[in-house]
PDB file of N, CA and C in Angstrom:
ATOM      1  N   MET A   1      27.294  13.916 -10.496  1.00  0.00           N
ATOM      2  CA  MET A   1      26.014  13.963 -11.158  1.00  0.00           C
ATOM      3  C   MET A   1      25.476  15.384 -11.003  1.00  0.00           C
ATOM      4  N   SER A   2      25.114  15.993 -12.062  1.00  0.00           N
ATOM      5  CA  SER A   2      24.570  17.349 -11.991  1.00  0.00           C
ATOM      6  C   SER A   2      23.107  17.294 -11.570  1.00  0.00           C
ATOM      7  N   ALA A   3      22.611  18.435 -11.072  1.00  0.00           N
ATOM      8  CA  ALA A   3      21.209  18.496 -10.647  1.00  0.00           C
ATOM      9  C   ALA A   3      20.277  18.170 -11.802  1.00  0.00           C
ATOM     10  N   ARG A   4      20.664  18.533 -12.981  1.00  0.00           N
ATOM     11  CA  ARG A   4      19.820  18.307 -14.150  1.00  0.00           C
ATOM     12  C   ARG A   4      19.721  16.823 -14.514  1.00  0.00           C
ATOM     13  N   SER A   5      20.785  16.049 -14.246  1.00  0.00           N
ATOM     14  CA  SER A   5      20.762  14.637 -14.625  1.00  0.00           C
ATOM     15  C   SER A   5      20.205  13.735 -13.523  1.00  0.00           C
ATOM     16  N   ARG A   6      19.919  14.284 -12.344  1.00  0.00           N
ATOM     17  CA  ARG A   6      19.359  13.480 -11.259  1.00  0.00           C
ATOM     18  C   ARG A   6      17.912  13.102 -11.565  1.00  0.00           C
ATOM     19  N   PRO A   7      17.521  11.877 -11.205  1.00  0.00           N
ATOM     20  CA  PRO A   7      16.113  11.509 -11.403  1.00  0.00           C
ATOM     21  C   PRO A   7      15.215  12.310 -10.473  1.00  0.00           C
ATOM     22  N   ASP A   8      14.019  12.582 -10.903  1.00  0.00           N
ATOM     23  CA  ASP A   8      13.044  13.328 -10.109  1.00  0.00           C
ATOM     24  C   ASP A   8      12.441  12.373  -9.093  1.00  0.00           C
ATOM     25  N   ARG A   9      12.636  12.632  -7.800  1.00  0.00           N
ATOM     26  CA  ARG A   9      12.201  11.717  -6.749  1.00  0.00           C
ATOM     27  C   ARG A   9      10.873  12.114  -6.120  1.00  0.00           C
ATOM     28  N   ARG A  10      10.177  13.098  -6.676  1.00  0.00           N
ATOM     29  CA  ARG A  10       8.883  13.468  -6.106  1.00  0.00           C
ATOM     30  C   ARG A  10       7.884  12.344  -6.296  1.00  0.00           C
ATOM     31  N   ARG A  11       6.893  12.313  -5.422  1.00  0.00           N
ATOM     32  CA  ARG A  11       5.884  11.260  -5.464  1.00  0.00           C
ATOM     33  C   ARG A  11       5.267  11.159  -6.855  1.00  0.00           C
ATOM     34  N   GLY A  12       5.278   9.965  -7.409  1.00  0.00           N
ATOM     35  CA  GLY A  12       4.651   9.723  -8.700  1.00  0.00           C
ATOM     36  C   GLY A  12       5.463  10.201  -9.888  1.00  0.00           C
ATOM     37  N   ALA A  13       6.710  10.635  -9.645  1.00  0.00           N
ATOM     38  CA  ALA A  13       7.489  11.204 -10.741  1.00  0.00           C
ATOM     39  C   ALA A  13       8.596  10.279 -11.214  1.00  0.00           C
ATOM     40  N   GLY A  14       8.527   9.008 -10.899  1.00  0.00           N
ATOM     41  CA  GLY A  14       9.565   8.108 -11.371  1.00  0.00           C
ATOM     42  C   GLY A  14       9.814   6.993 -10.372  1.00  0.00           C
ATOM     43  N   PRO A  15      11.016   6.405 -10.417  1.00  0.00           N
ATOM     44  CA  PRO A  15      11.304   5.275  -9.538  1.00  0.00           C
ATOM     45  C   PRO A  15      11.266   5.694  -8.071  1.00  0.00           C
ATOM     46  N   ARG A  16      11.000   4.724  -7.211  1.00  0.00           N
ATOM     47  CA  ARG A  16      10.950   5.001  -5.772  1.00  0.00           C
ATOM     48  C   ARG A  16      12.334   5.350  -5.256  1.00  0.00           C
ATOM     49  N   TRP A  17      12.356   6.088  -4.163  1.00  0.00           N
ATOM     50  CA  TRP A  17      13.616   6.448  -3.505  1.00  0.00           C
ATOM     51  C   TRP A  17      14.350   5.158  -3.176  1.00  0.00           C
ATOM     52  N   PRO A  18      15.643   5.067  -3.447  1.00  0.00           N
ATOM     53  CA  PRO A  18      16.357   3.807  -3.268  1.00  0.00           C
ATOM     54  C   PRO A  18      16.632   3.441  -1.816  1.00  0.00           C
ATOM     55  N   ARG A  19      16.367   4.323  -0.871  1.00  0.00           N
ATOM     56  CA  ARG A  19      16.653   4.069   0.538  1.00  0.00           C
ATOM     57  C   ARG A  19      15.397   4.370   1.343  1.00  0.00           C
ATOM     58  N   PRO A  20      15.022   3.502   2.293  1.00  0.00           N
ATOM     59  CA  PRO A  20      13.819   3.778   3.092  1.00  0.00           C
ATOM     60  C   PRO A  20      13.964   5.065   3.889  1.00  0.00           C
ATOM     61  N   ALA A  21      12.869   5.744   4.120  1.00  0.00           N
ATOM     62  CA  ALA A  21      12.895   6.956   4.930  1.00  0.00           C
ATOM     63  C   ALA A  21      13.452   6.616   6.298  1.00  0.00           C
ATOM     64  N   GLY A  22      14.343   7.440   6.780  1.00  0.00           N
ATOM     65  CA  GLY A  22      14.945   7.218   8.082  1.00  0.00           C
ATOM     66  C   GLY A  22      16.213   6.389   8.041  1.00  0.00           C
ATOM     67  N   ALA A  23      16.521   5.783   6.894  1.00  0.00           N
ATOM     68  CA  ALA A  23      17.728   4.977   6.797  1.00  0.00           C
ATOM     69  C   ALA A  23      18.957   5.881   6.779  1.00  0.00           C
ATOM     70  N   PRO A  24      20.067   5.408   7.326  1.00  0.00           N
ATOM     71  CA  PRO A  24      21.291   6.211   7.309  1.00  0.00           C
ATOM     72  C   PRO A  24      21.680   6.593   5.886  1.00  0.00           C
ATOM     73  N   ALA A  25      22.234   7.770   5.749  1.00  0.00           N
ATOM     74  CA  ALA A  25      22.661   8.272   4.436  1.00  0.00           C
ATOM     75  C   ALA A  25      24.124   8.693   4.536  1.00  0.00           C
ATOM     76  N   PRO A  26      25.058   7.727   4.574  1.00  0.00           N
ATOM     77  CA  PRO A  26      26.464   8.064   4.798  1.00  0.00           C
ATOM     78  C   PRO A  26      27.090   8.888   3.682  1.00  0.00           C
ATOM     79  N   ASP A  27      26.518   8.860   2.488  1.00  0.00           N
ATOM     80  CA  ASP A  27      27.099   9.601   1.375  1.00  0.00           C
ATOM     81  C   ASP A  27      26.525  11.003   1.240  1.00  0.00           C
ATOM     82  N   TRP A  28      25.616  11.397   2.126  1.00  0.00           N
ATOM     83  CA  TRP A  28      24.978  12.715   2.070  1.00  0.00           C
ATOM     84  C   TRP A  28      25.972  13.777   2.513  1.00  0.00           C
ATOM     85  N   VAL A  29      26.010  14.898   1.812  1.00  0.00           N
ATOM     86  CA  VAL A  29      26.858  16.027   2.188  1.00  0.00           C
ATOM     87  C   VAL A  29      25.948  17.203   2.494  1.00  0.00           C
ATOM     88  N   GLY A  30      26.128  17.837   3.661  1.00  0.00           N
ATOM     89  CA  GLY A  30      25.302  18.981   4.036  1.00  0.00           C
ATOM     90  C   GLY A  30      24.105  18.544   4.856  1.00  0.00           C
ATOM     91  N   GLY A  31      23.239  19.494   5.133  1.00  0.00           N
ATOM     92  CA  GLY A  31      22.059  19.215   5.938  1.00  0.00           C
ATOM     93  C   GLY A  31      20.815  19.147   5.089  1.00  0.00           C
ATOM     94  N   PRO A  32      19.750  18.570   5.629  1.00  0.00           N
ATOM     95  CA  PRO A  32      18.491  18.533   4.890  1.00  0.00           C
ATOM     96  C   PRO A  32      17.885  19.929   4.808  1.00  0.00           C
ATOM     97  N   VAL A  33      17.119  20.167   3.778  1.00  0.00           N
ATOM     98  CA  VAL A  33      16.473  21.465   3.566  1.00  0.00           C
ATOM     99  C   VAL A  33      14.966  21.236   3.507  1.00  0.00           C
ATOM    100  N   ASN A  34      14.226  22.006   4.270  1.00  0.00           N
ATOM    101  CA  ASN A  34      12.768  21.890   4.279  1.00  0.00           C
ATOM    102  C   ASN A  34      12.202  22.695   3.110  1.00  0.00           C
ATOM    103  N   LEU A  35      11.892  22.016   2.030  1.00  0.00           N
ATOM    104  CA  LEU A  35      11.350  22.673   0.840  1.00  0.00           C
ATOM    105  C   LEU A  35       9.827  22.764   0.871  1.00  0.00           C
ATOM    106  N   ALA A  36       9.212  22.257   1.932  1.00  0.00           N
ATOM    107  CA  ALA A  36       7.751  22.319   2.071  1.00  0.00           C
ATOM    108  C   ALA A  36       7.404  22.721   3.502  1.00  0.00           C
ATOM    109  N   PRO A  37       7.753  23.957   3.917  1.00  0.00           N
ATOM    110  CA  PRO A  37       7.495  24.363   5.298  1.00  0.00           C
ATOM    111  C   PRO A  37       6.016  24.371   5.672  1.00  0.00           C
ATOM    112  N   ASP A  38       5.142  24.422   4.681  1.00  0.00           N
ATOM    113  CA  ASP A  38       3.710  24.351   4.977  1.00  0.00           C
ATOM    114  C   ASP A  38       3.288  22.923   5.347  1.00  0.00           C
ATOM    115  N   GLU A  39       4.134  21.938   5.042  1.00  0.00           N
ATOM    116  CA  GLU A  39       3.832  20.543   5.357  1.00  0.00           C
ATOM    117  C   GLU A  39       4.655  19.998   6.521  1.00  0.00           C
ATOM    118  N   HIS A  40       5.839  20.557   6.758  1.00  0.00           N
ATOM    119  CA  HIS A  40       6.763  20.017   7.758  1.00  0.00           C
ATOM    120  C   HIS A  40       7.225  21.125   8.687  1.00  0.00           C
ATOM    121  N   ASP A  41       7.109  20.901  10.020  1.00  0.00           N
ATOM    122  CA  ASP A  41       7.565  21.931  10.947  1.00  0.00           C
ATOM    123  C   ASP A  41       9.014  21.733  11.351  1.00  0.00           C
ATOM    124  N   ASP A  42       9.581  20.551  11.101  1.00  0.00           N
ATOM    125  CA  ASP A  42      10.971  20.296  11.446  1.00  0.00           C
ATOM    126  C   ASP A  42      11.519  19.240  10.498  1.00  0.00           C
ATOM    127  N   LEU A  43      12.725  19.461  10.040  1.00  0.00           N
ATOM    128  CA  LEU A  43      13.393  18.506   9.168  1.00  0.00           C
ATOM    129  C   LEU A  43      14.865  18.570   9.518  1.00  0.00           C
ATOM    130  N   ARG A  44      15.396  17.482  10.071  1.00  0.00           N
ATOM    131  CA  ARG A  44      16.790  17.484  10.497  1.00  0.00           C
ATOM    132  C   ARG A  44      17.287  16.051  10.625  1.00  0.00           C
ATOM    133  N   TRP A  45      18.619  15.909  10.665  1.00  0.00           N
ATOM    134  CA  TRP A  45      19.218  14.620  10.958  1.00  0.00           C
ATOM    135  C   TRP A  45      19.083  14.379  12.450  1.00  0.00           C
ATOM    136  N   PHE A  46      19.027  13.125  12.853  1.00  0.00           N
ATOM    137  CA  PHE A  46      19.005  12.792  14.271  1.00  0.00           C
ATOM    138  C   PHE A  46      19.809  11.527  14.492  1.00  0.00           C
ATOM    139  N   GLU A  47      20.301  11.385  15.710  1.00  0.00           N
ATOM    140  CA  GLU A  47      21.031  10.187  16.112  1.00  0.00           C
ATOM    141  C   GLU A  47      20.016   9.132  16.553  1.00  0.00           C
ATOM    142  N   PRO A  48      20.334   7.855  16.395  1.00  0.00           N
ATOM    143  CA  PRO A  48      19.401   6.821  16.839  1.00  0.00           C
ATOM    144  C   PRO A  48      18.974   6.979  18.299  1.00  0.00           C
ATOM    145  N   ALA A  49      19.864   7.468  19.154  1.00  0.00           N
ATOM    146  CA  ALA A  49      19.523   7.639  20.566  1.00  0.00           C
ATOM    147  C   ALA A  49      18.422   8.682  20.773  1.00  0.00           C
ATOM    148  N   GLU A  50      18.214   9.578  19.805  1.00  0.00           N
ATOM    149  CA  GLU A  50      17.178  10.605  19.910  1.00  0.00           C
ATOM    150  C   GLU A  50      15.803  10.102  19.466  1.00  0.00           C
ATOM    151  N   LEU A  51      15.747   8.919  18.901  1.00  0.00           N
ATOM    152  CA  LEU A  51      14.521   8.420  18.285  1.00  0.00           C
ATOM    153  C   LEU A  51      13.337   8.387  19.241  1.00  0.00           C
ATOM    154  N   ALA A  52      13.555   7.935  20.466  1.00  0.00           N
ATOM    155  CA  ALA A  52      12.441   7.809  21.409  1.00  0.00           C
ATOM    156  C   ALA A  52      11.813   9.154  21.736  1.00  0.00           C
ATOM    157  N   GLY A  53      12.556  10.252  21.587  1.00  0.00           N
ATOM    158  CA  GLY A  53      12.021  11.571  21.901  1.00  0.00           C
ATOM    159  C   GLY A  53      11.394  12.293  20.726  1.00  0.00           C
ATOM    160  N   LEU A  54      11.415  11.691  19.545  1.00  0.00           N
ATOM    161  CA  LEU A  54      10.847  12.349  18.369  1.00  0.00           C
ATOM    162  C   LEU A  54       9.325  12.262  18.369  1.00  0.00           C
ATOM    163  N   THR A  55       8.688  13.304  17.888  1.00  0.00           N
ATOM    164  CA  THR A  55       7.242  13.298  17.697  1.00  0.00           C
ATOM    165  C   THR A  55       6.995  13.181  16.201  1.00  0.00           C
ATOM    166  N   LEU A  56       6.453  12.076  15.780  1.00  0.00           N
ATOM    167  CA  LEU A  56       6.177  11.856  14.361  1.00  0.00           C
ATOM    168  C   LEU A  56       4.760  12.302  14.035  1.00  0.00           C
ATOM    169  N   ALA A  57       4.571  12.782  12.829  1.00  0.00           N
ATOM    170  CA  ALA A  57       3.228  13.156  12.385  1.00  0.00           C
ATOM    171  C   ALA A  57       2.305  11.941  12.437  1.00  0.00           C
ATOM    172  N   ASP A  58       2.858  10.765  12.136  1.00  0.00           N
ATOM    173  CA  ASP A  58       2.095   9.521  12.211  1.00  0.00           C
ATOM    174  C   ASP A  58       2.817   8.584  13.171  1.00  0.00           C
ATOM    175  N   PRO A  59       2.442   8.564  14.453  1.00  0.00           N
ATOM    176  CA  PRO A  59       3.128   7.717  15.425  1.00  0.00           C
ATOM    177  C   PRO A  59       3.154   6.240  15.040  1.00  0.00           C
ATOM    178  N   ALA A  60       2.217   5.795  14.219  1.00  0.00           N
ATOM    179  CA  ALA A  60       2.201   4.394  13.793  1.00  0.00           C
ATOM    180  C   ALA A  60       3.406   4.056  12.918  1.00  0.00           C
ATOM    181  N   ALA A  61       4.120   5.066  12.415  1.00  0.00           N
ATOM    182  CA  ALA A  61       5.294   4.836  11.575  1.00  0.00           C
ATOM    183  C   ALA A  61       6.539   4.509  12.395  1.00  0.00           C
ATOM    184  N   MET A  62       6.494   4.726  13.717  1.00  0.00           N
ATOM    185  CA  MET A  62       7.682   4.525  14.554  1.00  0.00           C
ATOM    186  C   MET A  62       8.290   3.136  14.397  1.00  0.00           C
ATOM    187  N   PRO A  63       7.534   2.032  14.406  1.00  0.00           N
ATOM    188  CA  PRO A  63       8.164   0.719  14.222  1.00  0.00           C
ATOM    189  C   PRO A  63       8.908   0.605  12.890  1.00  0.00           C
ATOM    190  N   ASP A  64       8.393   1.201  11.831  1.00  0.00           N
ATOM    191  CA  ASP A  64       9.075   1.157  10.538  1.00  0.00           C
ATOM    192  C   ASP A  64      10.375   1.946  10.589  1.00  0.00           C
ATOM    193  N   VAL A  65      10.348   3.106  11.227  1.00  0.00           N
ATOM    194  CA  VAL A  65      11.561   3.925  11.355  1.00  0.00           C
ATOM    195  C   VAL A  65      12.604   3.148  12.150  1.00  0.00           C
ATOM    196  N   MET A  66      12.197   2.538  13.240  1.00  0.00           N
ATOM    197  CA  MET A  66      13.139   1.785  14.071  1.00  0.00           C
ATOM    198  C   MET A  66      13.712   0.585  13.325  1.00  0.00           C
ATOM    199  N   ARG A  67      12.925  -0.039  12.485  1.00  0.00           N
ATOM    200  CA  ARG A  67      13.370  -1.226  11.752  1.00  0.00           C
ATOM    201  C   ARG A  67      14.504  -0.906  10.779  1.00  0.00           C
ATOM    202  N   VAL A  68      14.522   0.282  10.191  1.00  0.00           N
ATOM    203  CA  VAL A  68      15.549   0.598   9.201  1.00  0.00           C
ATOM    204  C   VAL A  68      16.823   1.143   9.825  1.00  0.00           C
ATOM    205  N   LEU A  69      16.817   1.401  11.125  1.00  0.00           N
ATOM    206  CA  LEU A  69      18.020   1.888  11.796  1.00  0.00           C
ATOM    207  C   LEU A  69      18.789   0.701  12.364  1.00  0.00           C
ATOM    208  N   PRO A  70      19.939   0.362  11.763  1.00  0.00           N
ATOM    209  CA  PRO A  70      20.691  -0.802  12.230  1.00  0.00           C
ATOM    210  C   PRO A  70      21.176  -0.603  13.665  1.00  0.00           C
ATOM    211  N   GLY A  71      21.098  -1.659  14.443  1.00  0.00           N
ATOM    212  CA  GLY A  71      21.609  -1.625  15.799  1.00  0.00           C
ATOM    213  C   GLY A  71      20.684  -0.968  16.804  1.00  0.00           C
ATOM    214  N   TRP A  72      19.489  -0.552  16.407  1.00  0.00           N
ATOM    215  CA  TRP A  72      18.567   0.092  17.338  1.00  0.00           C
ATOM    216  C   TRP A  72      17.731  -0.995  17.986  1.00  0.00           C
ATOM    217  N   ASN A  73      17.916  -1.165  19.306  1.00  0.00           N
ATOM    218  CA  ASN A  73      17.234  -2.255  20.003  1.00  0.00           C
ATOM    219  C   ASN A  73      16.363  -1.782  21.152  1.00  0.00           C
ATOM    220  N   ALA A  74      16.096  -0.494  21.240  1.00  0.00           N
ATOM    221  CA  ALA A  74      15.275   0.024  22.333  1.00  0.00           C
ATOM    222  C   ALA A  74      13.815  -0.341  22.103  1.00  0.00           C
ATOM    223  N   PRO A  75      13.025  -0.397  23.166  1.00  0.00           N
ATOM    224  CA  PRO A  75      11.601  -0.683  22.991  1.00  0.00           C
ATOM    225  C   PRO A  75      10.902   0.441  22.241  1.00  0.00           C
ATOM    226  N   THR A  76       9.846   0.097  21.551  1.00  0.00           N
ATOM    227  CA  THR A  76       9.073   1.098  20.818  1.00  0.00           C
ATOM    228  C   THR A  76       8.419   2.055  21.805  1.00  0.00           C
ATOM    229  N   PRO A  77       8.677   3.374  21.653  1.00  0.00           N
ATOM    230  CA  PRO A  77       8.029   4.326  22.556  1.00  0.00           C
ATOM    231  C   PRO A  77       6.531   4.362  22.315  1.00  0.00           C
ATOM    232  N   SER A  78       5.794   4.676  23.366  1.00  0.00           N
ATOM    233  CA  SER A  78       4.345   4.788  23.244  1.00  0.00           C
ATOM    234  C   SER A  78       3.983   6.053  22.495  1.00  0.00           C
ATOM    235  N   PRO A  79       3.006   6.001  21.590  1.00  0.00           N
ATOM    236  CA  PRO A  79       2.585   7.215  20.882  1.00  0.00           C
ATOM    237  C   PRO A  79       1.973   8.213  21.864  1.00  0.00           C
ATOM    238  N   VAL A  80       2.223   9.474  21.617  1.00  0.00           N
ATOM    239  CA  VAL A  80       1.655  10.536  22.444  1.00  0.00           C
ATOM    240  C   VAL A  80       0.251  10.809  21.952  1.00  0.00           C
ATOM    241  N   GLU A  81      -0.702  10.811  22.849  1.00  0.00           N
ATOM    242  CA  GLU A  81      -2.102  11.048  22.457  1.00  0.00           C
ATOM    243  C   GLU A  81      -2.411  12.517  22.533  1.00  0.00           C
TER     244      GLU A  81
END
Protein backbone atom coordinates (compact mmCIF):
# COMPACT_ATOMS: atom_id res chain seq x y z
CA MET A 1 0.00 0.00 0.00
CA SER A 2 1.52 3.32 -0.95
CA ALA A 3 1.50 6.30 1.41
CA ARG A 4 -0.93 8.03 -0.91
CA SER A 5 -3.50 5.22 -0.77
CA ARG A 6 -3.42 4.86 3.04
CA PRO A 7 -6.45 6.21 4.90
CA ASP A 8 -5.84 9.37 6.91
CA ARG A 9 -5.86 8.31 10.58
CA ARG A 10 -5.73 11.77 12.16
CA ARG A 11 -8.45 12.62 14.64
CA GLY A 12 -11.70 13.37 12.84
CA ALA A 13 -10.26 12.52 9.43
CA GLY A 14 -11.96 9.21 8.77
CA PRO A 15 -12.45 5.77 10.30
CA ARG A 16 -11.04 5.04 13.74
CA TRP A 17 -7.67 3.35 14.09
CA PRO A 18 -8.32 -0.39 13.76
CA ARG A 19 -6.19 -1.31 16.80
CA PRO A 20 -6.48 0.14 20.33
CA ALA A 21 -3.63 2.34 21.48
CA GLY A 22 -1.01 0.22 23.18
CA ALA A 23 -2.06 -2.98 21.42
CA PRO A 24 0.73 -5.10 19.92
CA ALA A 25 1.55 -4.28 16.31
CA PRO A 26 3.28 -7.41 14.96
CA ASP A 27 3.11 -6.23 11.35
CA TRP A 28 4.84 -2.88 12.08
CA VAL A 29 8.25 -2.38 10.46
CA GLY A 30 10.66 0.18 11.96
CA GLY A 31 10.27 2.40 14.98
CA PRO A 32 7.64 4.97 15.87
CA VAL A 33 8.32 8.57 14.88
CA ASN A 34 7.31 11.52 17.04
CA LEU A 35 5.64 13.84 14.54
CA ALA A 36 4.32 16.13 17.31
CA PRO A 37 7.28 16.83 19.64
CA ASP A 38 5.41 19.81 21.07
CA GLU A 39 2.76 17.35 22.35
CA HIS A 40 4.82 14.25 23.21
CA ASP A 41 8.14 14.07 25.07
CA ASP A 42 8.68 10.36 24.39
CA LEU A 43 7.34 7.93 21.83
CA ARG A 44 8.73 4.40 21.70
CA TRP A 45 7.88 0.72 21.75
CA PHE A 46 7.96 -0.94 25.16
CA GLU A 47 7.78 -4.47 26.50
CA PRO A 48 4.84 -5.39 28.74
CA ALA A 49 7.27 -5.82 31.65
CA GLU A 50 8.15 -2.10 31.37
CA LEU A 51 4.53 -1.00 31.75
CA ALA A 52 4.60 -0.45 35.51
CA GLY A 53 7.49 2.01 35.13
CA LEU A 54 5.88 4.16 32.44
CA THR A 55 4.65 7.66 33.24
CA LEU A 56 1.50 8.35 31.26
CA ALA A 57 0.22 11.84 30.56
CA ASP A 58 -3.13 10.58 31.88
CA PRO A 59 -2.51 7.99 34.63
CA ALA A 60 -6.21 7.08 34.53
CA ALA A 61 -5.53 5.45 31.13
CA MET A 62 -3.27 2.77 32.68
CA PRO A 63 -6.09 0.19 33.18
CA ASP A 64 -7.09 0.57 29.51
CA VAL A 65 -3.49 0.13 28.36
CA MET A 66 -3.11 -2.97 30.53
CA ARG A 67 -6.38 -4.43 29.24
CA VAL A 68 -5.22 -4.45 25.60
CA LEU A 69 -1.90 -6.16 26.36
CA PRO A 70 -2.53 -9.92 26.24
CA GLY A 71 -1.05 -11.91 29.09
CA TRP A 72 -0.40 -8.89 31.32
CA ASN A 73 -1.52 -9.85 34.81
CA ALA A 74 0.43 -7.50 37.08
CA PRO A 75 -1.46 -5.24 39.48
CA THR A 76 -2.28 -1.74 38.30
CA PRO A 77 0.51 0.60 39.40
CA SER A 78 -0.48 3.57 41.52
CA PRO A 79 -0.55 6.90 39.66
CA VAL A 80 2.28 9.25 40.54
CA GLU A 81 0.98 12.45 42.11
